[in-house]
PDB file of all heavy atoms in Angstrom:
ATOM      1  N   PRO A   1     -57.232 -43.117  97.863  1.00  0.00           N
ATOM      2  CA  PRO A   1     -58.407 -44.023  98.098  1.00  0.00           C
ATOM      3  C   PRO A   1     -59.760 -43.449  97.535  1.00  0.00           C
ATOM      4  O   PRO A   1     -59.876 -42.282  97.420  1.00  0.00           O
ATOM      5  CB  PRO A   1     -58.521 -44.132  99.682  1.00  0.00           C
ATOM      6  CG  PRO A   1     -57.973 -42.796 100.091  1.00  0.00           C
ATOM      7  CD  PRO A   1     -56.934 -42.436  99.112  1.00  0.00           C
ATOM      8  N   PRO A   2     -60.711 -44.346  97.143  1.00  0.00           N
ATOM      9  CA  PRO A   2     -61.939 -43.807  96.719  1.00  0.00           C
ATOM     10  C   PRO A   2     -62.609 -43.178  97.849  1.00  0.00           C
ATOM     11  O   PRO A   2     -62.330 -43.377  99.055  1.00  0.00           O
ATOM     12  CB  PRO A   2     -62.648 -45.080  96.345  1.00  0.00           C
ATOM     13  CG  PRO A   2     -62.010 -46.182  97.022  1.00  0.00           C
ATOM     14  CD  PRO A   2     -60.662 -45.689  97.174  1.00  0.00           C
ATOM     15  N   THR A   3     -63.666 -42.461  97.582  1.00  0.00           N
ATOM     16  CA  THR A   3     -64.538 -41.771  98.677  1.00  0.00           C
ATOM     17  C   THR A   3     -64.958 -42.749  99.612  1.00  0.00           C
ATOM     18  O   THR A   3     -65.680 -43.659  99.290  1.00  0.00           O
ATOM     19  CB  THR A   3     -65.606 -40.941  97.972  1.00  0.00           C
ATOM     20  OG1 THR A   3     -65.159 -40.096  97.083  1.00  0.00           O
ATOM     21  CG2 THR A   3     -66.427 -40.184  99.013  1.00  0.00           C
ATOM     22  N   GLY A   4     -64.825 -42.456 100.948  1.00  0.00           N
ATOM     23  CA  GLY A   4     -65.280 -43.375 101.907  1.00  0.00           C
ATOM     24  C   GLY A   4     -66.555 -42.880 102.605  1.00  0.00           C
ATOM     25  O   GLY A   4     -67.227 -41.982 102.075  1.00  0.00           O
ATOM     26  N   ASP A   5     -66.962 -43.498 103.775  1.00  0.00           N
ATOM     27  CA  ASP A   5     -68.155 -43.128 104.399  1.00  0.00           C
ATOM     28  C   ASP A   5     -67.948 -41.875 105.419  1.00  0.00           C
ATOM     29  O   ASP A   5     -68.847 -41.496 105.959  1.00  0.00           O
ATOM     30  CB  ASP A   5     -68.929 -44.256 105.145  1.00  0.00           C
ATOM     31  CG  ASP A   5     -67.813 -44.886 106.079  1.00  0.00           C
ATOM     32  OD1 ASP A   5     -66.781 -44.320 106.483  1.00  0.00           O
ATOM     33  OD2 ASP A   5     -68.113 -46.040 106.553  1.00  0.00           O
ATOM     34  N   GLY A   6     -66.671 -41.452 105.516  1.00  0.00           N
ATOM     35  CA  GLY A   6     -66.375 -40.317 106.482  1.00  0.00           C
ATOM     36  C   GLY A   6     -66.326 -40.709 107.894  1.00  0.00           C
ATOM     37  O   GLY A   6     -66.117 -39.686 108.690  1.00  0.00           O
ATOM     38  N   GLN A   7     -66.505 -41.899 108.284  1.00  0.00           N
ATOM     39  CA  GLN A   7     -66.330 -42.254 109.657  1.00  0.00           C
ATOM     40  C   GLN A   7     -64.997 -42.244 110.173  1.00  0.00           C
ATOM     41  O   GLN A   7     -64.081 -42.613 109.441  1.00  0.00           O
ATOM     42  CB  GLN A   7     -67.061 -43.666 109.789  1.00  0.00           C
ATOM     43  CG  GLN A   7     -68.494 -43.647 109.503  1.00  0.00           C
ATOM     44  CD  GLN A   7     -69.062 -44.964 109.916  1.00  0.00           C
ATOM     45  OE1 GLN A   7     -68.393 -46.093 110.136  1.00  0.00           O
ATOM     46  NE2 GLN A   7     -70.377 -45.233 109.771  1.00  0.00           N
ATOM     47  N   GLU A   8     -64.842 -41.731 111.325  1.00  0.00           N
ATOM     48  CA  GLU A   8     -63.525 -41.688 112.013  1.00  0.00           C
ATOM     49  C   GLU A   8     -63.194 -43.137 112.472  1.00  0.00           C
ATOM     50  O   GLU A   8     -63.998 -43.900 112.842  1.00  0.00           O
ATOM     51  CB  GLU A   8     -63.501 -40.735 113.150  1.00  0.00           C
ATOM     52  CG  GLU A   8     -63.670 -39.175 112.668  1.00  0.00           C
ATOM     53  CD  GLU A   8     -63.553 -38.367 113.907  1.00  0.00           C
ATOM     54  OE1 GLU A   8     -63.319 -38.809 114.973  1.00  0.00           O
ATOM     55  OE2 GLU A   8     -63.630 -37.115 113.765  1.00  0.00           O
ATOM     56  N   THR A   9     -61.834 -43.443 112.413  1.00  0.00           N
ATOM     57  CA  THR A   9     -61.450 -44.743 112.867  1.00  0.00           C
ATOM     58  C   THR A   9     -60.676 -44.489 114.215  1.00  0.00           C
ATOM     59  O   THR A   9     -60.120 -43.488 114.573  1.00  0.00           O
ATOM     60  CB  THR A   9     -60.318 -45.371 111.910  1.00  0.00           C
ATOM     61  OG1 THR A   9     -59.429 -44.428 111.682  1.00  0.00           O
ATOM     62  CG2 THR A   9     -61.256 -45.633 110.596  1.00  0.00           C
ATOM     63  N   THR A  10     -60.690 -45.553 115.151  1.00  0.00           N
ATOM     64  CA  THR A  10     -60.059 -45.540 116.311  1.00  0.00           C
ATOM     65  C   THR A  10     -58.672 -46.005 116.154  1.00  0.00           C
ATOM     66  O   THR A  10     -58.240 -46.589 115.097  1.00  0.00           O
ATOM     67  CB  THR A  10     -60.864 -46.415 117.266  1.00  0.00           C
ATOM     68  OG1 THR A  10     -60.835 -47.824 116.827  1.00  0.00           O
ATOM     69  CG2 THR A  10     -62.203 -46.023 117.527  1.00  0.00           C
ATOM     70  N   ALA A  11     -57.854 -45.894 117.219  1.00  0.00           N
ATOM     71  CA  ALA A  11     -56.425 -46.253 117.238  1.00  0.00           C
ATOM     72  C   ALA A  11     -56.273 -47.773 117.238  1.00  0.00           C
ATOM     73  O   ALA A  11     -55.211 -48.253 116.726  1.00  0.00           O
ATOM     74  CB  ALA A  11     -55.696 -45.681 118.424  1.00  0.00           C
ATOM     75  N   SER A  12     -57.343 -48.638 117.549  1.00  0.00           N
ATOM     76  CA  SER A  12     -57.239 -50.061 117.586  1.00  0.00           C
ATOM     77  C   SER A  12     -58.422 -50.640 117.034  1.00  0.00           C
ATOM     78  O   SER A  12     -59.559 -50.166 117.111  1.00  0.00           O
ATOM     79  CB  SER A  12     -56.943 -50.455 119.040  1.00  0.00           C
ATOM     80  OG  SER A  12     -55.762 -49.934 119.649  1.00  0.00           O
ATOM     81  N   TYR A  13     -58.209 -51.741 116.553  1.00  0.00           N
ATOM     82  CA  TYR A  13     -59.377 -52.703 116.180  1.00  0.00           C
ATOM     83  C   TYR A  13     -60.001 -53.352 117.366  1.00  0.00           C
ATOM     84  O   TYR A  13     -59.304 -53.525 118.310  1.00  0.00           O
ATOM     85  CB  TYR A  13     -58.939 -53.764 115.064  1.00  0.00           C
ATOM     86  CG  TYR A  13     -58.444 -53.159 113.736  1.00  0.00           C
ATOM     87  CD1 TYR A  13     -57.152 -53.060 113.620  1.00  0.00           C
ATOM     88  CD2 TYR A  13     -59.359 -52.724 112.815  1.00  0.00           C
ATOM     89  CE1 TYR A  13     -56.592 -52.517 112.403  1.00  0.00           C
ATOM     90  CE2 TYR A  13     -58.954 -52.209 111.609  1.00  0.00           C
ATOM     91  CZ  TYR A  13     -57.555 -52.026 111.353  1.00  0.00           C
ATOM     92  OH  TYR A  13     -57.159 -51.552 110.227  1.00  0.00           O
ATOM     93  N   THR A  14     -61.195 -53.635 117.192  1.00  0.00           N
ATOM     94  CA  THR A  14     -61.870 -54.402 118.402  1.00  0.00           C
ATOM     95  C   THR A  14     -61.645 -55.861 118.239  1.00  0.00           C
ATOM     96  O   THR A  14     -62.139 -56.481 117.246  1.00  0.00           O
ATOM     97  CB  THR A  14     -63.479 -53.955 118.367  1.00  0.00           C
ATOM     98  OG1 THR A  14     -63.669 -52.613 118.354  1.00  0.00           O
ATOM     99  CG2 THR A  14     -64.179 -54.727 119.368  1.00  0.00           C
ATOM    100  N   PRO A  15     -61.249 -56.482 119.342  1.00  0.00           N
ATOM    101  CA  PRO A  15     -60.954 -57.959 119.284  1.00  0.00           C
ATOM    102  C   PRO A  15     -62.306 -58.612 119.244  1.00  0.00           C
ATOM    103  O   PRO A  15     -63.370 -58.219 119.813  1.00  0.00           O
ATOM    104  CB  PRO A  15     -60.336 -58.170 120.628  1.00  0.00           C
ATOM    105  CG  PRO A  15     -59.639 -56.884 121.093  1.00  0.00           C
ATOM    106  CD  PRO A  15     -60.647 -55.857 120.564  1.00  0.00           C
ATOM    107  N   THR A  16     -62.382 -59.759 118.444  1.00  0.00           N
ATOM    108  CA  THR A  16     -63.481 -60.647 118.445  1.00  0.00           C
ATOM    109  C   THR A  16     -63.055 -62.017 118.736  1.00  0.00           C
ATOM    110  O   THR A  16     -61.959 -62.381 119.011  1.00  0.00           O
ATOM    111  CB  THR A  16     -64.094 -60.538 116.919  1.00  0.00           C
ATOM    112  OG1 THR A  16     -63.269 -61.254 116.062  1.00  0.00           O
ATOM    113  CG2 THR A  16     -64.309 -59.159 116.603  1.00  0.00           C
ATOM    114  N   ALA A  17     -64.091 -62.918 118.797  1.00  0.00           N
ATOM    115  CA  ALA A  17     -63.776 -64.306 119.040  1.00  0.00           C
ATOM    116  C   ALA A  17     -62.781 -64.971 118.114  1.00  0.00           C
ATOM    117  O   ALA A  17     -62.058 -65.811 118.457  1.00  0.00           O
ATOM    118  CB  ALA A  17     -65.104 -65.098 119.133  1.00  0.00           C
ATOM    119  N   ARG A  18     -62.909 -64.428 116.697  1.00  0.00           N
ATOM    120  CA  ARG A  18     -62.000 -64.969 115.803  1.00  0.00           C
ATOM    121  C   ARG A  18     -60.679 -64.450 115.800  1.00  0.00           C
ATOM    122  O   ARG A  18     -59.734 -64.926 115.154  1.00  0.00           O
ATOM    123  CB  ARG A  18     -62.688 -64.828 114.479  1.00  0.00           C
ATOM    124  CG  ARG A  18     -63.999 -65.619 114.298  1.00  0.00           C
ATOM    125  CD  ARG A  18     -64.379 -65.891 112.843  1.00  0.00           C
ATOM    126  NE  ARG A  18     -64.900 -64.565 112.210  1.00  0.00           N
ATOM    127  CZ  ARG A  18     -65.225 -64.567 111.002  1.00  0.00           C
ATOM    128  NH1 ARG A  18     -65.399 -65.613 110.307  1.00  0.00           N
ATOM    129  NH2 ARG A  18     -65.599 -63.260 110.422  1.00  0.00           N
ATOM    130  N   THR A  19     -60.450 -63.199 116.391  1.00  0.00           N
ATOM    131  CA  THR A  19     -59.105 -62.490 116.288  1.00  0.00           C
ATOM    132  C   THR A  19     -58.343 -62.637 117.644  1.00  0.00           C
ATOM    133  O   THR A  19     -57.258 -62.083 117.697  1.00  0.00           O
ATOM    134  CB  THR A  19     -59.396 -61.103 115.960  1.00  0.00           C
ATOM    135  OG1 THR A  19     -60.096 -60.369 116.929  1.00  0.00           O
ATOM    136  CG2 THR A  19     -59.981 -60.905 114.592  1.00  0.00           C
ATOM    137  N   VAL A  20     -58.979 -63.281 118.625  1.00  0.00           N
ATOM    138  CA  VAL A  20     -58.177 -63.469 119.932  1.00  0.00           C
ATOM    139  C   VAL A  20     -57.513 -64.875 119.784  1.00  0.00           C
ATOM    140  O   VAL A  20     -58.161 -65.901 119.740  1.00  0.00           O
ATOM    141  CB  VAL A  20     -59.090 -63.425 121.138  1.00  0.00           C
ATOM    142  CG1 VAL A  20     -58.236 -63.764 122.346  1.00  0.00           C
ATOM    143  CG2 VAL A  20     -59.716 -62.009 121.223  1.00  0.00           C
ATOM    144  N   PRO A  21     -56.169 -64.965 119.804  1.00  0.00           N
ATOM    145  CA  PRO A  21     -55.506 -66.314 119.643  1.00  0.00           C
ATOM    146  C   PRO A  21     -55.672 -67.118 120.904  1.00  0.00           C
ATOM    147  O   PRO A  21     -55.857 -66.581 121.986  1.00  0.00           O
ATOM    148  CB  PRO A  21     -53.925 -65.860 119.454  1.00  0.00           C
ATOM    149  CG  PRO A  21     -53.875 -64.563 120.011  1.00  0.00           C
ATOM    150  CD  PRO A  21     -55.190 -63.845 119.879  1.00  0.00           C
ATOM    151  N   THR A  22     -55.649 -68.441 120.712  1.00  0.00           N
ATOM    152  CA  THR A  22     -55.735 -69.320 121.810  1.00  0.00           C
ATOM    153  C   THR A  22     -54.389 -69.549 122.516  1.00  0.00           C
ATOM    154  O   THR A  22     -54.368 -69.966 123.619  1.00  0.00           O
ATOM    155  CB  THR A  22     -56.292 -70.650 121.483  1.00  0.00           C
ATOM    156  OG1 THR A  22     -55.519 -71.213 120.354  1.00  0.00           O
ATOM    157  CG2 THR A  22     -57.821 -70.495 120.839  1.00  0.00           C
ATOM    158  N   ARG A  23     -53.380 -69.302 121.824  1.00  0.00           N
ATOM    159  CA  ARG A  23     -52.009 -69.374 122.293  1.00  0.00           C
ATOM    160  C   ARG A  23     -51.272 -68.156 122.046  1.00  0.00           C
ATOM    161  O   ARG A  23     -51.417 -67.432 121.053  1.00  0.00           O
ATOM    162  CB  ARG A  23     -51.192 -70.562 121.658  1.00  0.00           C
ATOM    163  CG  ARG A  23     -51.887 -71.888 122.047  1.00  0.00           C
ATOM    164  CD  ARG A  23     -51.026 -73.049 121.526  1.00  0.00           C
ATOM    165  NE  ARG A  23     -49.772 -73.232 122.138  1.00  0.00           N
ATOM    166  CZ  ARG A  23     -48.625 -72.998 121.690  1.00  0.00           C
ATOM    167  NH1 ARG A  23     -48.563 -72.562 120.468  1.00  0.00           N
ATOM    168  NH2 ARG A  23     -47.468 -73.160 122.322  1.00  0.00           N
ATOM    169  N   GLY A  24     -50.298 -67.718 122.983  1.00  0.00           N
ATOM    170  CA  GLY A  24     -49.463 -66.552 122.799  1.00  0.00           C
ATOM    171  C   GLY A  24     -50.344 -65.332 122.729  1.00  0.00           C
ATOM    172  O   GLY A  24     -50.024 -64.434 121.940  1.00  0.00           O
ATOM    173  N   ARG A  25     -51.235 -65.185 123.579  1.00  0.00           N
ATOM    174  CA  ARG A  25     -52.072 -63.974 123.623  1.00  0.00           C
ATOM    175  C   ARG A  25     -51.345 -62.724 123.884  1.00  0.00           C
ATOM    176  O   ARG A  25     -51.717 -61.655 123.411  1.00  0.00           O
ATOM    177  CB  ARG A  25     -53.190 -64.216 124.583  1.00  0.00           C
ATOM    178  CG  ARG A  25     -54.207 -65.214 124.250  1.00  0.00           C
ATOM    179  CD  ARG A  25     -55.499 -65.087 125.034  1.00  0.00           C
ATOM    180  NE  ARG A  25     -56.484 -66.164 124.732  1.00  0.00           N
ATOM    181  CZ  ARG A  25     -57.685 -66.220 125.210  1.00  0.00           C
ATOM    182  NH1 ARG A  25     -58.081 -65.219 126.054  1.00  0.00           N
ATOM    183  NH2 ARG A  25     -58.546 -67.154 124.854  1.00  0.00           N
ATOM    184  N   GLU A  26     -50.165 -62.874 124.604  1.00  0.00           N
ATOM    185  CA  GLU A  26     -49.448 -61.640 124.899  1.00  0.00           C
ATOM    186  C   GLU A  26     -48.683 -61.100 123.804  1.00  0.00           C
ATOM    187  O   GLU A  26     -48.343 -59.922 123.736  1.00  0.00           O
ATOM    188  CB  GLU A  26     -48.315 -62.005 125.907  1.00  0.00           C
ATOM    189  CG  GLU A  26     -47.235 -62.919 125.525  1.00  0.00           C
ATOM    190  CD  GLU A  26     -47.533 -64.381 125.319  1.00  0.00           C
ATOM    191  OE1 GLU A  26     -48.691 -64.689 125.631  1.00  0.00           O
ATOM    192  OE2 GLU A  26     -46.571 -65.101 124.879  1.00  0.00           O
ATOM    193  N   ARG A  27     -48.626 -61.890 122.584  1.00  0.00           N
ATOM    194  CA  ARG A  27     -48.097 -61.292 121.398  1.00  0.00           C
ATOM    195  C   ARG A  27     -49.096 -60.795 120.425  1.00  0.00           C
ATOM    196  O   ARG A  27     -48.705 -60.162 119.403  1.00  0.00           O
ATOM    197  CB  ARG A  27     -47.314 -62.618 120.685  1.00  0.00           C
ATOM    198  CG  ARG A  27     -46.141 -63.070 121.404  1.00  0.00           C
ATOM    199  CD  ARG A  27     -45.594 -64.357 120.713  1.00  0.00           C
ATOM    200  NE  ARG A  27     -44.438 -64.822 121.511  1.00  0.00           N
ATOM    201  CZ  ARG A  27     -43.921 -65.997 121.294  1.00  0.00           C
ATOM    202  NH1 ARG A  27     -44.361 -66.793 120.247  1.00  0.00           N
ATOM    203  NH2 ARG A  27     -42.901 -66.435 122.064  1.00  0.00           N
ATOM    204  N   ALA A  28     -50.327 -60.923 120.826  1.00  0.00           N
ATOM    205  CA  ALA A  28     -51.387 -60.342 119.873  1.00  0.00           C
ATOM    206  C   ALA A  28     -51.537 -58.718 120.032  1.00  0.00           C
ATOM    207  O   ALA A  28     -51.264 -58.292 121.160  1.00  0.00           O
ATOM    208  CB  ALA A  28     -52.763 -60.972 120.224  1.00  0.00           C
ATOM    209  N   SER A  29     -51.861 -58.115 119.045  1.00  0.00           N
ATOM    210  CA  SER A  29     -52.030 -56.671 118.922  1.00  0.00           C
ATOM    211  C   SER A  29     -53.136 -56.227 118.135  1.00  0.00           C
ATOM    212  O   SER A  29     -53.290 -56.853 116.986  1.00  0.00           O
ATOM    213  CB  SER A  29     -50.728 -55.892 118.638  1.00  0.00           C
ATOM    214  OG  SER A  29     -50.996 -54.514 118.437  1.00  0.00           O
ATOM    215  N   TYR A  30     -53.888 -55.188 118.430  1.00  0.00           N
ATOM    216  CA  TYR A  30     -54.967 -54.795 117.583  1.00  0.00           C
ATOM    217  C   TYR A  30     -54.679 -53.311 117.288  1.00  0.00           C
ATOM    218  O   TYR A  30     -55.663 -52.682 116.792  1.00  0.00           O
ATOM    219  CB  TYR A  30     -56.319 -54.994 118.353  1.00  0.00           C
ATOM    220  CG  TYR A  30     -56.615 -56.330 118.810  1.00  0.00           C
ATOM    221  CD1 TYR A  30     -56.059 -56.790 120.038  1.00  0.00           C
ATOM    222  CD2 TYR A  30     -57.090 -57.348 117.951  1.00  0.00           C
ATOM    223  CE1 TYR A  30     -56.199 -58.137 120.446  1.00  0.00           C
ATOM    224  CE2 TYR A  30     -57.212 -58.608 118.248  1.00  0.00           C
ATOM    225  CZ  TYR A  30     -56.749 -58.974 119.585  1.00  0.00           C
ATOM    226  OH  TYR A  30     -56.813 -60.323 119.977  1.00  0.00           O
ATOM    227  N   ASP A  31     -53.461 -52.845 117.335  1.00  0.00           N
ATOM    228  CA  ASP A  31     -53.090 -51.525 117.052  1.00  0.00           C
ATOM    229  C   ASP A  31     -53.217 -51.315 115.548  1.00  0.00           C
ATOM    230  O   ASP A  31     -52.587 -52.026 114.696  1.00  0.00           O
ATOM    231  CB  ASP A  31     -51.663 -51.316 117.520  1.00  0.00           C
ATOM    232  CG  ASP A  31     -51.261 -49.813 117.134  1.00  0.00           C
ATOM    233  OD1 ASP A  31     -51.575 -48.942 117.939  1.00  0.00           O
ATOM    234  OD2 ASP A  31     -50.491 -49.758 116.215  1.00  0.00           O
TER     235      ASP A  31
END
């Protein structure tokens, strides 16, 4: 990869209003 900003990443993405499904929420993952 090209040089990044050096920031560490977490194990999961942060859910947002656009990434939380309206149906089947139990199948969603942010891992």
